[in-house]
Amino acid sequence: MFDHPRWTITKRELGSLSREKTIVLAICIQLFIAAFSSFLVVGLTSLYDPGSVDGAADIEVGISGDVEENLLRAGQQVDGLSVRRVASNDDALQLFERGQVDAVISTASAPAGGGGTQVQVEAVVPAEDLRTTVIVVTVRELLTELERLERVERVDYLDQTPVEVPEDVGSSSYFGFTYTILLPLLLFLPAFISGSVVVDSITEEIEQGTLELLRVSPVSLVDIVDGKAAGMVAIAPIQAGLWMALLRLNGTGIENVGLLLAFVTAMTLITVVVGTMLGLLTGQRRQAQLLYSLLAVLLFGGTIALPEHPASTVALLAADSATGTSIAHVAGFAALGLVLYAGVRWYAGRVDVESL
């Protein structure tokens, strides 16, 4: 069975990966991320959600205007924030320009419909600063707390009882970042890399004219497609399994590993089919790679129209919170991959090698 020419091609393709510096570098980067995820996730989460890192900010905000008292009260509820009362907005802006405060908030009351009043808020933050993101997040938390206080004070004027806000469950930003960003990134990258490698492999055969040798050899174009696809489809779930094992060693719990590997295999099969078809149709590496990149972005972006995004499917499976939709997605992508692969084999069996 393993003496068939297609398996010889598969072994040759896998052996040639060690000479592809770009692929080796990409695998090393993923290996580094997975192996040191417990350390990297802290720094990456601070960019994804700066407010998640305790003590990461010590922001001073100058305030002025008509609702200073509520702003002062709101500031006491925001960690890492100190509020400084300033006589006027001009004085606050001068302090901001001298770097004595990190941001400025001015408030004013204005008439609203129905004889009520509305609060107008103007915030000034640094345009280009290393701390800008942290400052913006902190100011946003302050204004959110101000809005809550204003709603509480005006509750007696409402005609209807507002919906009760659910209690804070104390979810962790690290949890959200790991399962919704880091894990999907590690699982999907091998799939897209496999498709890109297939594009290079097939177009290289065509550009160098080695496919012409098929006329005097027992290997058909279908065997070539099978051999190249088998190697690239197999390597992606192997990488994904290794990344998940390393994440587990770093303390990240991952459930439904079998379904996750099946999902990665299905996604890889789809990308490999796309790469194979583009390689056969164009025969030119640069053109095929450009089209592959555009199609990969469009197809992955188009999945937002699905009932559940693939990244959400990965997160739900890994967190053992999968729904019926999640399982259906795994089965659906697997079926789609098999149908597309059958189509590319059918095409390879009918194309004339001399026309490539």
Protein backbone atom coordinates (compact mmCIF):
# COMPACT_ATOMS: atom_id res chain seq x y z
CA MET A 1 0.00 0.00 0.00
CA PHE A 2 2.69 2.48 1.01
CA ASP A 3 4.76 1.49 -2.05
CA HIS A 4 2.32 3.31 -4.33
CA PRO A 5 3.87 6.28 -6.19
CA ARG A 6 1.55 8.74 -4.44
CA TRP A 7 3.08 7.83 -1.06
CA THR A 8 6.55 8.31 -2.51
CA ILE A 9 5.45 11.81 -3.53
CA THR A 10 4.02 12.41 -0.06
CA LYS A 11 7.29 11.47 1.63
CA ARG A 12 9.23 13.66 -0.79
CA GLU A 13 6.95 16.63 -0.07
CA LEU A 14 7.28 16.23 3.69
CA GLY A 15 11.05 15.86 3.39
CA SER A 16 11.32 19.04 1.32
CA LEU A 17 9.64 21.12 4.04
CA SER A 18 12.89 21.25 6.00
CA ARG A 19 14.40 23.22 3.12
CA GLU A 20 11.60 25.78 3.05
CA LYS A 21 12.97 28.52 5.31
CA THR A 22 9.68 30.46 5.38
CA ILE A 23 7.70 27.44 6.50
CA VAL A 24 10.28 26.44 9.11
CA LEU A 25 10.29 29.99 10.49
CA ALA A 26 6.48 30.04 10.67
CA ILE A 27 6.44 26.72 12.52
CA CYS A 28 9.12 27.95 14.94
CA ILE A 29 7.10 31.08 15.69
CA GLN A 30 3.98 29.02 16.40
CA LEU A 31 6.04 26.65 18.54
CA PHE A 32 7.38 29.58 20.56
CA ILE A 33 3.88 31.01 21.07
CA ALA A 34 2.43 27.66 22.16
CA ALA A 35 5.37 26.70 24.38
CA PHE A 36 5.48 30.04 26.22
CA SER A 37 1.80 30.90 26.03
CA SER A 38 1.43 31.41 29.79
CA PHE A 39 4.01 34.21 29.62
CA LEU A 40 3.02 35.71 26.28
CA VAL A 41 -0.68 35.80 27.07
CA VAL A 42 -0.09 38.37 29.82
CA GLY A 43 1.62 40.82 27.49
CA LEU A 44 -0.75 40.15 24.58
CA THR A 45 -3.82 40.50 26.77
CA SER A 46 -2.55 43.86 27.99
CA LEU A 47 -2.81 45.03 24.36
CA TYR A 48 -6.11 43.23 23.76
CA ASP A 49 -7.60 44.57 27.03
CA PRO A 50 -5.25 46.95 28.90
CA GLY A 51 -7.59 47.14 31.88
CA SER A 52 -7.09 43.44 32.59
CA VAL A 53 -3.59 43.88 34.04
CA ASP A 54 -3.66 44.92 37.68
CA GLY A 55 -1.59 47.98 38.36
CA ALA A 56 -0.89 48.47 34.66
CA ALA A 57 -2.16 52.05 34.72
CA ASP A 58 -1.83 55.04 37.00
CA ILE A 59 -3.80 57.62 35.08
CA GLU A 60 -4.59 61.14 36.28
CA VAL A 61 -7.53 62.93 34.67
CA GLY A 62 -8.30 66.63 35.00
CA ILE A 63 -12.04 67.36 35.17
CA SER A 64 -14.12 70.53 34.97
CA GLY A 65 -17.75 71.43 34.35
CA ASP A 66 -21.23 70.99 35.72
CA VAL A 67 -21.15 67.35 36.86
CA GLU A 68 -17.84 67.27 38.69
CA GLU A 69 -19.29 65.58 41.76
CA ASN A 70 -20.54 62.59 39.81
CA LEU A 71 -17.23 62.37 37.96
CA LEU A 72 -15.38 62.36 41.27
CA ARG A 73 -17.63 59.60 42.55
CA ALA A 74 -17.22 57.65 39.33
CA GLY A 75 -13.44 58.01 39.49
CA GLN A 76 -13.40 56.28 42.87
CA GLN A 77 -14.84 53.15 41.25
CA VAL A 78 -12.17 52.86 38.53
CA ASP A 79 -8.91 51.12 39.41
CA GLY A 80 -5.67 52.86 38.50
CA LEU A 81 -7.34 56.25 38.08
CA SER A 82 -7.06 59.50 40.02
CA VAL A 83 -9.36 62.44 39.27
CA ARG A 84 -8.16 66.02 39.68
CA ARG A 85 -10.65 68.88 39.91
CA VAL A 86 -9.70 71.92 37.82
CA ALA A 87 -11.35 75.35 37.87
CA SER A 88 -11.97 75.59 34.13
CA ASN A 89 -11.49 73.64 30.93
CA ASP A 90 -8.77 76.05 29.80
CA ASP A 91 -6.80 75.44 32.98
CA ALA A 92 -7.22 71.68 32.52
CA LEU A 93 -5.94 71.89 28.93
CA GLN A 94 -2.88 73.83 30.11
CA LEU A 95 -2.12 71.08 32.64
CA PHE A 96 -2.57 68.52 29.86
CA GLU A 97 -0.15 70.34 27.54
CA ARG A 98 2.43 70.50 30.33
CA GLY A 99 2.03 66.78 30.95
CA GLN A 100 0.69 67.19 34.49
CA VAL A 101 -2.48 65.24 33.69
CA ASP A 102 -2.92 62.35 31.24
CA ALA A 103 -6.36 63.34 29.97
CA VAL A 104 -8.98 66.06 30.31
CA ILE A 105 -12.74 65.68 30.67
CA SER A 106 -15.10 68.65 30.59
CA THR A 107 -18.83 68.31 31.22
CA ALA A 108 -21.82 70.58 30.71
CA SER A 109 -25.57 70.30 31.25
CA ALA A 110 -27.85 71.21 28.38
CA PRO A 111 -31.64 71.31 27.99
CA ALA A 112 -33.24 68.16 26.58
CA GLY A 113 -36.66 67.37 25.23
CA GLY A 114 -39.52 67.11 27.68
CA GLY A 115 -38.11 69.72 30.05
CA GLY A 116 -35.20 67.56 31.20
CA THR A 117 -31.47 68.00 30.93
CA GLN A 118 -28.72 66.08 29.21
CA VAL A 119 -25.04 65.81 30.03
CA GLN A 120 -22.50 66.65 27.34
CA VAL A 121 -19.00 65.26 27.82
CA GLU A 122 -15.81 66.18 25.96
CA ALA A 123 -12.65 64.16 26.51
CA VAL A 124 -9.10 64.97 25.40
CA VAL A 125 -6.42 62.25 25.30
CA PRO A 126 -2.91 62.11 23.78
CA ALA A 127 -2.92 61.61 19.99
CA GLU A 128 0.34 59.66 19.81
CA ASP A 129 1.70 58.23 23.01
CA LEU A 130 2.81 54.81 24.23
CA ARG A 131 0.14 54.99 26.94
CA THR A 132 -2.67 56.24 24.69
CA THR A 133 -4.46 52.87 24.54
CA VAL A 134 -4.39 52.46 28.31
CA ILE A 135 -5.56 56.06 28.82
CA VAL A 136 -8.45 55.64 26.37
CA VAL A 137 -9.59 52.42 28.04
CA THR A 138 -9.41 54.02 31.49
CA VAL A 139 -11.33 57.13 30.38
CA ARG A 140 -13.94 54.89 28.80
CA GLU A 141 -14.40 53.04 32.10
CA LEU A 142 -14.76 56.38 33.89
CA LEU A 143 -17.44 57.59 31.48
CA THR A 144 -19.25 54.25 31.69
CA GLU A 145 -19.36 54.59 35.47
CA LEU A 146 -20.55 58.22 35.11
CA GLU A 147 -23.37 57.03 32.86
CA ARG A 148 -24.37 54.43 35.45
CA LEU A 149 -24.48 57.04 38.22
CA GLU A 150 -26.54 59.40 36.08
CA ARG A 151 -29.02 56.62 35.31
CA VAL A 152 -29.32 55.76 38.99
CA GLU A 153 -30.05 59.39 39.91
CA ARG A 154 -32.68 59.75 37.19
CA VAL A 155 -34.46 56.46 37.79
CA ASP A 156 -37.35 58.21 39.60
CA TYR A 157 -38.18 60.14 36.43
CA LEU A 158 -38.65 57.03 34.29
CA ASP A 159 -42.13 56.06 33.12
CA GLN A 160 -41.23 52.36 33.03
CA THR A 161 -39.10 50.14 35.26
CA PRO A 162 -35.79 49.43 33.51
CA VAL A 163 -34.55 45.89 32.91
CA GLU A 164 -32.37 44.74 35.78
CA VAL A 165 -28.70 44.48 34.84
CA PRO A 166 -27.22 40.99 35.41
CA GLU A 167 -24.61 40.68 38.12
CA ASP A 168 -20.96 40.72 37.13
CA VAL A 169 -19.73 37.13 36.85
CA GLY A 170 -16.10 38.17 37.12
CA SER A 171 -14.90 36.69 33.85
CA SER A 172 -11.20 36.81 33.09
CA SER A 173 -9.75 38.66 30.09
CA TYR A 174 -7.04 35.99 29.95
CA PHE A 175 -9.70 33.34 29.47
CA GLY A 176 -11.36 35.25 26.63
CA PHE A 177 -8.11 36.07 24.87
CA THR A 178 -6.74 32.53 25.09
CA TYR A 179 -9.83 30.77 23.75
CA THR A 180 -11.11 33.33 21.22
CA ILE A 181 -7.82 34.60 19.76
CA LEU A 182 -4.71 32.63 20.73
CA LEU A 183 -6.07 29.10 20.25
CA PRO A 184 -7.84 29.77 16.90
CA LEU A 185 -4.68 31.50 15.68
CA LEU A 186 -2.53 28.47 16.48
CA LEU A 187 -5.01 26.02 14.95
CA PHE A 188 -5.84 27.88 11.74
CA LEU A 189 -2.33 29.04 10.77
CA PRO A 190 -1.13 25.51 9.88
CA ALA A 191 -4.16 25.10 7.62
CA PHE A 192 -3.43 28.25 5.64
CA ILE A 193 0.29 27.48 5.51
CA SER A 194 -0.44 24.02 4.05
CA GLY A 195 -2.50 25.56 1.26
CA SER A 196 0.29 28.02 0.49
CA VAL A 197 2.89 25.22 0.37
CA VAL A 198 0.76 23.26 -2.10
CA VAL A 199 0.58 26.32 -4.36
CA ASP A 200 4.38 26.58 -4.37
CA SER A 201 4.87 22.86 -4.89
CA ILE A 202 2.55 22.49 -7.87
CA THR A 203 3.58 25.69 -9.65
CA GLU A 204 7.24 24.75 -9.19
CA GLU A 205 6.60 21.42 -10.92
CA ILE A 206 4.89 23.23 -13.80
CA GLU A 207 7.43 26.04 -14.15
CA GLN A 208 10.38 23.64 -14.12
CA GLY A 209 8.69 21.33 -16.63
CA THR A 210 8.94 18.20 -14.47
CA LEU A 211 5.30 17.34 -15.11
CA GLU A 212 6.29 16.53 -18.67
CA LEU A 213 8.10 13.46 -17.31
CA LEU A 214 4.70 12.02 -16.38
CA ARG A 215 4.30 10.83 -19.96
CA VAL A 216 7.11 8.28 -19.49
CA SER A 217 6.40 7.36 -15.87
CA PRO A 218 3.65 5.34 -14.15
CA VAL A 219 2.62 8.38 -12.06
CA SER A 220 -0.55 10.18 -13.11
CA LEU A 221 -1.52 13.75 -12.34
CA VAL A 222 -4.14 12.41 -9.91
CA ASP A 223 -1.35 10.58 -8.06
CA ILE A 224 0.63 13.83 -7.93
CA VAL A 225 -2.36 15.68 -6.48
CA ASP A 226 -3.04 12.88 -3.98
CA GLY A 227 0.59 12.71 -2.86
CA LYS A 228 1.04 16.44 -2.41
CA ALA A 229 -2.36 16.91 -0.73
CA ALA A 230 -1.88 13.98 1.66
CA GLY A 231 1.38 15.37 3.02
CA MET A 232 0.08 18.91 3.50
CA VAL A 233 -3.24 17.81 5.00
CA ALA A 234 -1.49 15.46 7.44
CA ILE A 235 1.03 17.97 8.78
CA ALA A 236 -1.55 20.56 9.91
CA PRO A 237 -3.40 18.44 12.53
CA ILE A 238 -0.02 17.16 13.76
CA GLN A 239 1.04 20.77 14.39
CA ALA A 240 -2.34 21.59 15.94
CA GLY A 241 -2.07 18.60 18.28
CA LEU A 242 1.40 19.67 19.37
CA TRP A 243 0.27 23.25 20.00
CA MET A 244 -2.68 22.04 22.11
CA ALA A 245 -0.39 19.73 24.10
CA LEU A 246 1.95 22.64 24.83
CA LEU A 247 -0.96 24.87 25.83
CA ARG A 248 -2.12 22.20 28.24
CA LEU A 249 1.36 22.02 29.75
CA ASN A 250 1.11 25.77 30.29
CA GLY A 251 -2.11 25.35 32.25
CA THR A 252 -4.72 26.00 29.54
CA GLY A 253 -7.50 23.44 29.69
CA ILE A 254 -8.56 22.19 26.25
CA GLU A 255 -11.47 19.80 25.77
CA ASN A 256 -12.80 17.96 22.69
CA VAL A 257 -9.34 17.54 21.22
CA GLY A 258 -10.57 14.95 18.70
CA LEU A 259 -13.23 17.29 17.30
CA LEU A 260 -10.74 20.15 17.18
CA LEU A 261 -8.28 18.03 15.20
CA ALA A 262 -11.09 16.97 12.85
CA PHE A 263 -12.03 20.62 12.37
CA VAL A 264 -8.43 21.60 11.62
CA THR A 265 -8.13 18.70 9.15
CA ALA A 266 -11.32 19.80 7.38
CA MET A 267 -10.14 23.41 7.15
CA THR A 268 -6.75 22.24 5.87
CA LEU A 269 -8.35 20.05 3.23
CA ILE A 270 -10.32 23.05 1.95
CA THR A 271 -7.25 25.32 1.78
CA VAL A 272 -5.18 22.58 0.12
CA VAL A 273 -7.88 22.07 -2.51
CA VAL A 274 -7.99 25.82 -3.19
CA GLY A 275 -4.20 25.94 -3.46
CA THR A 276 -4.09 22.90 -5.75
CA MET A 277 -6.72 24.27 -8.12
CA LEU A 278 -5.03 27.66 -8.34
CA GLY A 279 -1.67 26.00 -9.01
CA LEU A 280 -3.10 23.86 -11.81
CA LEU A 281 -5.12 26.67 -13.37
CA THR A 282 -2.47 29.40 -13.33
CA GLY A 283 0.82 27.48 -13.46
CA GLN A 284 2.64 30.55 -12.14
CA ARG A 285 3.79 30.82 -8.54
CA ARG A 286 3.43 34.58 -8.11
CA GLN A 287 -0.03 34.77 -9.63
CA ALA A 288 -1.26 31.66 -7.82
CA GLN A 289 0.04 32.87 -4.44
CA LEU A 290 -1.63 36.26 -4.88
CA LEU A 291 -4.94 34.67 -5.78
CA TYR A 292 -4.62 32.19 -2.91
CA SER A 293 -4.01 34.97 -0.40
CA LEU A 294 -7.00 36.98 -1.67
CA LEU A 295 -9.30 33.95 -1.71
CA ALA A 296 -8.18 32.84 1.75
CA VAL A 297 -8.99 36.27 3.18
CA LEU A 298 -12.33 36.47 1.35
CA LEU A 299 -13.40 32.94 2.26
CA PHE A 300 -12.41 33.22 5.90
CA GLY A 301 -13.98 36.66 6.13
CA GLY A 302 -17.12 35.34 4.49
CA THR A 303 -17.58 32.81 7.28
CA ILE A 304 -18.90 35.69 9.40
CA ALA A 305 -22.20 35.07 7.62
CA LEU A 306 -22.40 31.56 9.09
CA PRO A 307 -24.46 30.90 12.22
CA GLU A 308 -21.16 30.53 14.08
CA HIS A 309 -17.71 31.81 13.11
CA PRO A 310 -15.00 29.10 12.89
CA ALA A 311 -13.01 30.88 15.63
CA SER A 312 -16.10 30.71 17.87
CA THR A 313 -16.47 27.03 17.06
CA VAL A 314 -12.87 26.40 18.18
CA ALA A 315 -13.39 28.42 21.37
CA LEU A 316 -16.62 26.65 22.27
CA LEU A 317 -15.18 23.20 21.62
CA ALA A 318 -12.01 23.91 23.59
CA ALA A 319 -13.95 25.35 26.53
CA ASP A 320 -16.35 22.35 26.50
CA SER A 321 -19.28 24.64 25.72
CA ALA A 322 -20.04 23.34 22.24
CA THR A 323 -23.59 23.63 20.89
CA GLY A 324 -25.34 21.66 18.20
CA THR A 325 -24.26 24.38 15.76
CA SER A 326 -20.61 23.81 16.70
CA ILE A 327 -20.82 20.09 15.95
CA ALA A 328 -22.72 20.81 12.73
CA HIS A 329 -19.95 23.18 11.65
CA VAL A 330 -17.30 20.50 12.09
CA ALA A 331 -19.35 18.03 10.07
CA GLY A 332 -20.24 20.63 7.45
CA PHE A 333 -16.65 21.75 6.85
CA ALA A 334 -15.54 18.11 6.67
CA ALA A 335 -18.21 17.33 4.06
CA LEU A 336 -17.34 20.46 2.09
CA GLY A 337 -13.65 19.54 2.11
CA LEU A 338 -14.34 16.01 0.82
CA VAL A 339 -16.63 17.29 -1.95
CA LEU A 340 -14.06 19.88 -3.07
CA TYR A 341 -11.27 17.32 -2.98
CA ALA A 342 -13.32 14.95 -5.12
CA GLY A 343 -13.79 17.83 -7.55
CA VAL A 344 -10.07 18.63 -7.82
CA ARG A 345 -9.26 14.93 -8.38
CA TRP A 346 -11.88 14.81 -11.12
CA TYR A 347 -10.31 17.86 -12.76
CA ALA A 348 -6.79 16.44 -12.45
CA GLY A 349 -7.91 13.21 -14.10
CA ARG A 350 -9.17 15.03 -17.18
CA VAL A 351 -6.62 17.79 -17.66
CA ASP A 352 -3.93 17.36 -20.28
CA VAL A 353 -0.45 17.59 -18.72
CA GLU A 354 0.92 19.27 -21.84
CA SER A 355 -1.58 22.11 -21.41
CA LEU A 356 -0.24 23.04 -17.97
